[in-house]
Amino acid sequence: MNPVYDAQSFDFSGYRMPAEWEPHEATWLAWPANPETWPEHMEQARQVYAQMIAALSQHETVFVLAQGCEADDSIEAHLSQHPCQRDRIRICHIPYNDSWMRDAGPIFITHPGHAQHPIVAHDFIFNAWGKKYEPYDADDAIPQHALRLLNLPMIQHDFVLEGGSIDVNGQGCVLTTRQCLLNPNRNPTLSQEQIESRLKRYLGVTQVLWLDNGIEGDDTDGHVDDITRFVSPRRIFTVVENNRQDANYEPLLNNAQKLREMRDQDGNPFEVIELPMPDIRVEGPFGRSPASYANFLIANNCVLVPVYSAPNQNEALSLFRDAFPDRQIVPIECSGLVAGLGSIHCVTQQQPKVSSLS
């Protein structure tokens, strides 16, 4: 049995959450199965998943949650259309309500020098972004099943936190938004200072960098992974809206201005690179979809970038190639996926590789 620890008593000294660009052992996903999430785009979402799984399998293990034999058959049929390393793809029968692995899955922290537990994972409370969608009990239990499968230690929390609400540089900084973490539908009894204290302790950071609001159409209350992401310890991509009439123009301008005033864990300014928002409005069954190039995944030797058949996508991809010259940039058309109100980063969760960390 994997050890289970209480967050109040666990010794976090020396642990940290690695940056996404550090080596992965694996990436976790949950095969699209909830018709309420993709009422009109289920097949398109599954096609995107197959492309993601195939691309990732070239470089790391991919764990795919599935709901029974019918899902197994669907996964196999979709993967057969793409070149993939089948021996790196592991289908797991773990219960789940929906496919947002970034938010419901385990969040890993590492301490390579720890003799007993060089890697452990957080089991934060997942409450479906403030109890917006029910049921979510199976999603909340995903870390318990996943870590039992991996036989890794788990830290249980009384704290609500989603993976999409944070982004770390691996050196001591975490990005987040007030719209999400200070929302009373998450941890209503905690002040900003108390939330900061928990983030520092649980993630091994010293600086909490607060932005204000996310983008229109994001039902997660402003997740940072739709707007602003670290691409190296001191370099940040942040999306901007060039159309002054768009609802996203002012919030994103405000975020970019704040970032230029921020300092890292050593007191140095960041290099802030403006990433355009798609210059088309992506609509789905729930209205405007939160289509953003910032919802990318950095994996071993590659970066999966969501695109939306927008005229400016080549401009965005050029910025990715400049930022990641040693990784393959893999654009994936995600208009169907984001119709469910999330994109590539929202549906993936990385498991770091301990032996390569320093």
Protein backbone atom coordinates (compact mmCIF):
# COMPACT_ATOMS: atom_id res chain seq x y z
CA MET A 1 0.00 0.00 0.00
CA ASN A 2 1.19 3.51 -0.76
CA PRO A 3 1.77 5.66 2.35
CA VAL A 4 -0.81 8.37 3.07
CA TYR A 5 0.21 11.47 5.03
CA ASP A 6 -1.68 14.39 6.50
CA ALA A 7 -0.65 17.81 5.18
CA GLN A 8 -0.50 19.29 8.67
CA SER A 9 2.16 16.84 9.86
CA PHE A 10 4.14 16.14 6.68
CA ASP A 11 7.67 17.59 6.56
CA PHE A 12 7.86 19.56 3.29
CA SER A 13 11.48 20.67 3.82
CA GLY A 14 13.45 20.28 0.60
CA TYR A 15 10.43 19.46 -1.58
CA ARG A 16 9.38 21.56 -4.57
CA MET A 17 7.07 21.37 -7.55
CA PRO A 18 9.28 21.01 -10.65
CA ALA A 19 8.76 23.29 -13.63
CA GLU A 20 6.89 21.73 -16.52
CA TRP A 21 9.95 21.77 -18.80
CA GLU A 22 11.90 19.54 -16.42
CA PRO A 23 12.01 15.83 -17.40
CA HIS A 24 8.77 13.86 -17.20
CA GLU A 25 8.26 10.27 -16.21
CA ALA A 26 4.77 10.38 -17.70
CA THR A 27 1.72 12.45 -18.58
CA TRP A 28 -1.79 11.59 -17.37
CA LEU A 29 -5.07 12.06 -19.29
CA ALA A 30 -8.68 10.86 -18.94
CA TRP A 31 -10.43 9.78 -22.16
CA PRO A 32 -13.43 12.02 -23.03
CA ALA A 33 -16.59 10.30 -21.81
CA ASN A 34 -18.97 12.92 -20.39
CA PRO A 35 -21.59 13.94 -23.02
CA GLU A 36 -22.52 17.02 -20.97
CA THR A 37 -19.01 18.39 -21.49
CA TRP A 38 -18.93 17.84 -25.25
CA PRO A 39 -22.62 17.65 -26.28
CA GLU A 40 -21.75 18.40 -29.92
CA HIS A 41 -18.00 17.77 -30.13
CA MET A 42 -17.25 14.44 -28.45
CA GLU A 43 -15.73 12.89 -31.55
CA GLN A 44 -13.58 15.98 -32.22
CA ALA A 45 -12.39 15.93 -28.61
CA ARG A 46 -11.41 12.27 -28.92
CA GLN A 47 -9.53 12.96 -32.13
CA VAL A 48 -7.53 15.64 -30.32
CA TYR A 49 -6.80 13.22 -27.49
CA ALA A 50 -5.51 10.64 -29.94
CA GLN A 51 -3.14 13.21 -31.45
CA MET A 52 -1.91 14.25 -28.00
CA ILE A 53 -1.39 10.67 -26.81
CA ALA A 54 0.41 9.70 -30.00
CA ALA A 55 2.73 12.72 -29.86
CA LEU A 56 3.51 12.27 -26.17
CA SER A 57 4.15 8.55 -26.55
CA GLN A 58 7.17 9.31 -28.72
CA HIS A 59 8.89 10.82 -25.68
CA GLU A 60 7.36 9.55 -22.41
CA THR A 61 4.86 7.19 -20.82
CA VAL A 62 1.21 8.18 -21.19
CA PHE A 63 -1.39 7.04 -18.65
CA VAL A 64 -4.93 7.18 -20.02
CA LEU A 65 -7.91 6.76 -17.71
CA ALA A 66 -10.74 4.81 -19.31
CA GLN A 67 -14.21 3.73 -18.28
CA GLY A 68 -14.43 0.07 -19.24
CA CYS A 69 -13.91 -2.07 -22.31
CA GLU A 70 -15.96 0.14 -24.62
CA ALA A 71 -13.61 3.02 -23.87
CA ASP A 72 -10.62 0.75 -24.45
CA ASP A 73 -11.95 -0.05 -27.91
CA SER A 74 -12.52 3.63 -28.65
CA ILE A 75 -9.00 4.53 -27.58
CA GLU A 76 -7.46 1.76 -29.68
CA ALA A 77 -9.53 2.71 -32.73
CA HIS A 78 -8.51 6.37 -32.50
CA LEU A 79 -4.84 5.62 -31.83
CA SER A 80 -4.70 3.33 -34.84
CA GLN A 81 -4.99 6.43 -37.01
CA HIS A 82 -1.70 7.87 -35.70
CA PRO A 83 1.90 6.69 -35.40
CA CYS A 84 2.56 6.06 -31.71
CA GLN A 85 4.77 4.11 -29.34
CA ARG A 86 2.12 1.69 -28.11
CA ASP A 87 4.37 0.21 -25.42
CA ARG A 88 4.46 3.61 -23.69
CA ILE A 89 0.65 3.96 -23.52
CA ARG A 90 -1.00 2.51 -20.43
CA ILE A 91 -4.80 2.39 -20.17
CA CYS A 92 -6.04 2.50 -16.57
CA HIS A 93 -9.55 1.66 -15.38
CA ILE A 94 -9.94 4.37 -12.75
CA PRO A 95 -13.35 5.97 -12.04
CA TYR A 96 -13.80 9.62 -13.07
CA ASN A 97 -16.61 12.06 -13.81
CA ASP A 98 -14.91 14.23 -16.41
CA SER A 99 -11.63 14.68 -18.26
CA TRP A 100 -9.94 17.68 -16.63
CA MET A 101 -6.87 15.87 -15.33
CA ARG A 102 -4.94 19.09 -14.73
CA ASP A 103 -7.38 20.08 -12.01
CA ALA A 104 -8.50 16.77 -10.54
CA GLY A 105 -5.31 14.72 -10.86
CA PRO A 106 -2.38 14.47 -8.44
CA ILE A 107 0.13 17.34 -8.25
CA PHE A 108 3.64 15.99 -7.76
CA ILE A 109 6.49 17.44 -5.71
CA THR A 110 10.03 16.09 -5.55
CA HIS A 111 13.04 15.90 -3.24
CA PRO A 112 15.69 13.87 -5.11
CA GLY A 113 17.89 13.72 -2.01
CA HIS A 114 15.20 12.19 0.18
CA ALA A 115 16.15 8.58 0.86
CA GLN A 116 12.62 7.30 1.50
CA HIS A 117 10.28 9.48 -0.60
CA PRO A 118 12.03 11.35 -3.45
CA ILE A 119 8.62 11.97 -5.04
CA VAL A 120 5.23 12.44 -3.37
CA ALA A 121 1.94 13.82 -4.63
CA HIS A 122 -0.70 16.15 -3.30
CA ASP A 123 -4.32 15.09 -3.08
CA PHE A 124 -5.92 18.52 -2.89
CA ILE A 125 -9.70 18.87 -2.67
CA PHE A 126 -11.34 19.17 -6.08
CA ASN A 127 -14.80 20.74 -5.88
CA ALA A 128 -15.53 21.24 -9.60
CA TRP A 129 -14.48 24.90 -9.63
CA GLY A 130 -16.75 25.94 -6.81
CA LYS A 131 -19.34 23.13 -7.12
CA LYS A 132 -20.36 24.24 -10.61
CA TYR A 133 -20.83 20.73 -11.98
CA GLU A 134 -22.06 17.60 -10.21
CA PRO A 135 -21.22 14.88 -9.56
CA TYR A 136 -17.50 15.34 -9.00
CA ASP A 137 -16.79 12.81 -6.25
CA ALA A 138 -15.01 10.39 -8.59
CA ASP A 139 -12.82 13.18 -9.94
CA ASP A 140 -11.90 14.20 -6.40
CA ALA A 141 -10.74 10.63 -5.76
CA ILE A 142 -8.51 10.32 -8.87
CA PRO A 143 -5.25 11.01 -6.98
CA GLN A 144 -5.97 8.22 -4.51
CA HIS A 145 -6.42 5.66 -7.29
CA ALA A 146 -3.52 6.94 -9.39
CA LEU A 147 -1.03 6.98 -6.53
CA ARG A 148 -2.11 3.53 -5.37
CA LEU A 149 -1.40 2.34 -8.91
CA LEU A 150 2.03 4.00 -8.86
CA ASN A 151 2.66 2.97 -5.24
CA LEU A 152 3.71 6.54 -4.43
CA PRO A 153 3.12 8.47 -1.18
CA MET A 154 0.10 10.77 -1.03
CA ILE A 155 -0.49 13.90 1.04
CA GLN A 156 -4.15 14.55 1.87
CA HIS A 157 -5.43 18.11 2.20
CA ASP A 158 -8.38 20.11 3.46
CA PHE A 159 -7.45 22.78 0.88
CA VAL A 160 -9.11 23.32 -2.52
CA LEU A 161 -6.57 23.76 -5.32
CA GLU A 162 -6.63 22.97 -9.03
CA GLY A 163 -3.52 22.42 -11.13
CA GLY A 164 -4.68 24.90 -13.77
CA SER A 165 -4.75 27.70 -11.20
CA ILE A 166 -0.97 27.63 -10.63
CA ASP A 167 2.19 27.70 -12.74
CA VAL A 168 5.72 27.41 -11.32
CA ASN A 169 9.21 28.21 -12.60
CA GLY A 170 10.81 25.48 -10.48
CA GLN A 171 13.11 28.02 -8.83
CA GLY A 172 10.80 29.53 -6.22
CA CYS A 173 7.97 31.37 -8.01
CA VAL A 174 4.34 30.48 -8.59
CA LEU A 175 1.89 32.40 -10.79
CA THR A 176 -1.80 32.49 -9.95
CA THR A 177 -4.86 34.78 -10.08
CA ARG A 178 -6.95 36.51 -7.46
CA GLN A 179 -10.10 35.75 -9.44
CA CYS A 180 -9.58 32.04 -8.79
CA LEU A 181 -7.70 31.49 -5.55
CA LEU A 182 -9.47 34.28 -3.63
CA ASN A 183 -12.89 33.25 -4.90
CA PRO A 184 -15.14 32.38 -1.94
CA ASN A 185 -16.24 29.21 -3.74
CA ARG A 186 -12.80 27.67 -3.07
CA ASN A 187 -11.40 28.34 0.43
CA PRO A 188 -13.77 30.97 1.90
CA THR A 189 -12.30 30.95 5.41
CA LEU A 190 -8.73 31.69 4.29
CA SER A 191 -7.21 35.13 3.69
CA GLN A 192 -4.81 35.93 0.86
CA GLU A 193 -1.92 35.72 3.31
CA GLN A 194 -3.03 32.29 4.54
CA ILE A 195 -3.39 31.00 0.98
CA GLU A 196 0.08 32.34 0.14
CA SER A 197 1.51 30.58 3.17
CA ARG A 198 0.02 27.27 2.07
CA LEU A 199 1.25 27.63 -1.50
CA LYS A 200 4.77 28.35 -0.29
CA ARG A 201 4.78 25.35 2.02
CA TYR A 202 3.08 22.86 -0.31
CA LEU A 203 4.85 23.81 -3.56
CA GLY A 204 8.27 24.77 -2.22
CA VAL A 205 8.12 28.37 -3.46
CA THR A 206 9.09 31.70 -1.92
CA GLN A 207 7.29 34.11 -4.25
CA VAL A 208 3.56 34.12 -5.05
CA LEU A 209 2.90 36.27 -8.11
CA TRP A 210 -0.70 37.45 -8.20
CA LEU A 211 -2.46 38.41 -11.42
CA ASP A 212 -6.06 39.56 -11.37
CA ASN A 213 -8.50 38.09 -13.90
CA GLY A 214 -8.65 35.42 -16.57
CA ILE A 215 -10.36 35.34 -19.95
CA GLU A 216 -13.98 35.38 -21.01
CA GLY A 217 -15.56 31.96 -21.40
CA ASP A 218 -13.35 30.36 -18.74
CA ASP A 219 -15.69 28.66 -16.28
CA THR A 220 -12.85 27.99 -13.82
CA ASP A 221 -12.85 31.58 -12.51
CA GLY A 222 -9.66 32.72 -14.16
CA HIS A 223 -7.19 29.85 -14.32
CA VAL A 224 -3.69 31.13 -14.96
CA ASP A 225 -2.92 28.40 -17.51
CA ASP A 226 -5.21 30.15 -19.97
CA ILE A 227 -3.38 33.47 -19.71
CA THR A 228 0.19 33.44 -18.36
CA ARG A 229 2.84 30.71 -18.29
CA PHE A 230 6.48 30.30 -17.45
CA VAL A 231 8.55 29.05 -20.39
CA SER A 232 11.88 29.26 -18.50
CA PRO A 233 12.84 30.37 -14.98
CA ARG A 234 12.84 34.07 -15.95
CA ARG A 235 10.81 34.11 -19.18
CA ILE A 236 7.01 34.37 -19.23
CA PHE A 237 4.45 34.10 -22.02
CA THR A 238 1.35 36.19 -21.36
CA VAL A 239 -1.56 36.48 -23.77
CA VAL A 240 -2.75 39.88 -24.96
CA GLU A 241 -5.84 40.91 -26.91
CA ASN A 242 -5.25 43.42 -29.70
CA ASN A 243 -8.92 44.23 -30.27
CA ARG A 244 -9.76 47.09 -27.91
CA GLN A 245 -13.47 46.27 -28.17
CA ASP A 246 -12.97 42.73 -26.91
CA ALA A 247 -13.90 41.88 -23.31
CA ASN A 248 -10.43 40.41 -22.79
CA TYR A 249 -8.53 43.56 -23.80
CA GLU A 250 -8.41 45.38 -20.45
CA PRO A 251 -7.88 42.37 -18.14
CA LEU A 252 -5.03 41.03 -20.25
CA LEU A 253 -3.43 44.46 -20.59
CA ASN A 254 -3.58 44.82 -16.82
CA ASN A 255 -1.93 41.42 -16.34
CA ALA A 256 0.90 42.25 -18.75
CA GLN A 257 1.57 45.53 -16.94
CA LYS A 258 1.69 43.78 -13.56
CA LEU A 259 4.12 41.15 -14.85
CA ARG A 260 6.61 43.81 -15.93
CA GLU A 261 6.68 45.13 -12.38
CA MET A 262 7.14 41.71 -10.77
CA ARG A 263 10.44 40.21 -9.64
CA ASP A 264 11.56 36.62 -9.33
CA GLN A 265 12.78 34.81 -6.21
CA ASP A 266 16.19 36.54 -6.56
CA GLY A 267 14.81 40.03 -7.14
CA ASN A 268 15.33 40.02 -10.92
CA PRO A 269 12.74 41.21 -13.46
CA PHE A 270 11.15 38.72 -15.83
CA GLU A 271 11.36 38.73 -19.59
CA VAL A 272 7.70 39.12 -20.56
CA ILE A 273 6.76 37.94 -24.05
CA GLU A 274 3.34 38.88 -25.36
CA LEU A 275 1.52 35.97 -26.98
CA PRO A 276 -1.48 37.02 -29.08
CA MET A 277 -4.93 35.70 -28.44
CA PRO A 278 -6.46 33.92 -31.46
CA ASP A 279 -7.76 36.64 -33.77
CA ILE A 280 -11.08 34.88 -34.24
CA ARG A 281 -13.83 34.33 -31.71
CA VAL A 282 -14.23 30.59 -31.06
CA GLU A 283 -17.83 29.70 -30.24
CA GLY A 284 -19.15 26.46 -28.78
CA PRO A 285 -22.34 25.03 -27.29
CA PHE A 286 -21.83 27.08 -24.11
CA GLY A 287 -21.15 30.38 -25.86
CA ARG A 288 -17.67 31.81 -26.20
CA SER A 289 -14.96 29.20 -25.69
CA PRO A 290 -11.78 30.10 -23.76
CA ALA A 291 -9.51 29.57 -26.76
CA SER A 292 -5.96 30.58 -25.88
CA TYR A 293 -2.52 29.69 -27.15
CA ALA A 294 -1.32 29.79 -23.54
CA ASN A 295 -2.99 26.45 -22.78
CA PHE A 296 0.00 24.49 -24.08
CA LEU A 297 1.82 21.50 -22.56
CA ILE A 298 5.61 21.29 -22.28
CA ALA A 299 6.64 17.62 -22.48
CA ASN A 300 9.86 15.70 -23.03
CA ASN A 301 11.42 17.04 -26.25
CA CYS A 302 8.18 18.60 -27.48
CA VAL A 303 5.55 21.25 -26.81
CA LEU A 304 1.90 20.58 -27.66
CA VAL A 305 0.33 23.88 -28.73
CA PRO A 306 -3.42 24.36 -29.19
CA VAL A 307 -4.44 26.17 -32.38
CA TYR A 308 -7.88 27.18 -33.55
CA SER A 309 -7.68 27.78 -37.32
CA ALA A 310 -7.05 31.45 -36.57
CA PRO A 311 -5.22 33.69 -39.05
CA ASN A 312 -2.53 34.57 -36.50
CA GLN A 313 -1.65 31.05 -35.40
CA ASN A 314 1.64 31.06 -37.39
CA GLU A 315 2.67 34.19 -35.50
CA ALA A 316 1.99 32.41 -32.22
CA LEU A 317 3.81 29.24 -33.31
CA SER A 318 6.86 31.31 -34.27
CA LEU A 319 7.06 32.58 -30.69
CA PHE A 320 6.97 29.01 -29.43
CA ARG A 321 9.78 27.96 -31.78
CA ASP A 322 11.90 30.85 -30.53
CA ALA A 323 11.19 29.99 -26.89
CA PHE A 324 11.79 26.24 -27.29
CA PRO A 325 14.52 25.83 -29.95
CA ASP A 326 15.43 22.33 -28.73
CA ARG A 327 11.90 20.93 -28.66
CA GLN A 328 9.52 19.91 -31.41
CA ILE A 329 6.54 22.27 -31.60
CA VAL A 330 3.40 20.21 -32.23
CA PRO A 331 0.36 22.31 -33.20
CA ILE A 332 -2.97 20.58 -32.63
CA GLU A 333 -6.29 21.93 -33.86
CA CYS A 334 -8.35 22.27 -30.68
CA SER A 335 -11.56 24.07 -31.66
CA GLY A 336 -13.56 20.94 -30.87
CA LEU A 337 -11.73 20.27 -27.61
CA VAL A 338 -12.09 23.83 -26.30
CA ALA A 339 -15.82 23.65 -27.00
CA GLY A 340 -15.88 21.78 -23.68
CA LEU A 341 -14.30 24.90 -22.09
CA GLY A 342 -10.72 23.68 -21.81
CA SER A 343 -7.74 22.87 -24.01
CA ILE A 344 -4.48 20.86 -24.00
CA HIS A 345 -3.06 21.93 -20.64
CA CYS A 346 -6.44 21.53 -18.93
CA VAL A 347 -6.70 17.85 -19.83
CA THR A 348 -3.12 16.79 -19.03
CA GLN A 349 -1.06 16.43 -15.86
CA GLN A 350 2.66 15.67 -15.85
CA GLN A 351 4.46 13.27 -13.54
CA PRO A 352 8.07 14.43 -13.06
CA LYS A 353 11.07 12.15 -13.45
CA VAL A 354 12.98 12.24 -10.18
CA SER A 355 16.35 10.84 -11.23
CA SER A 356 16.99 13.67 -13.69
CA LEU A 357 16.14 16.48 -11.29
CA SER A 358 18.81 18.46 -9.48
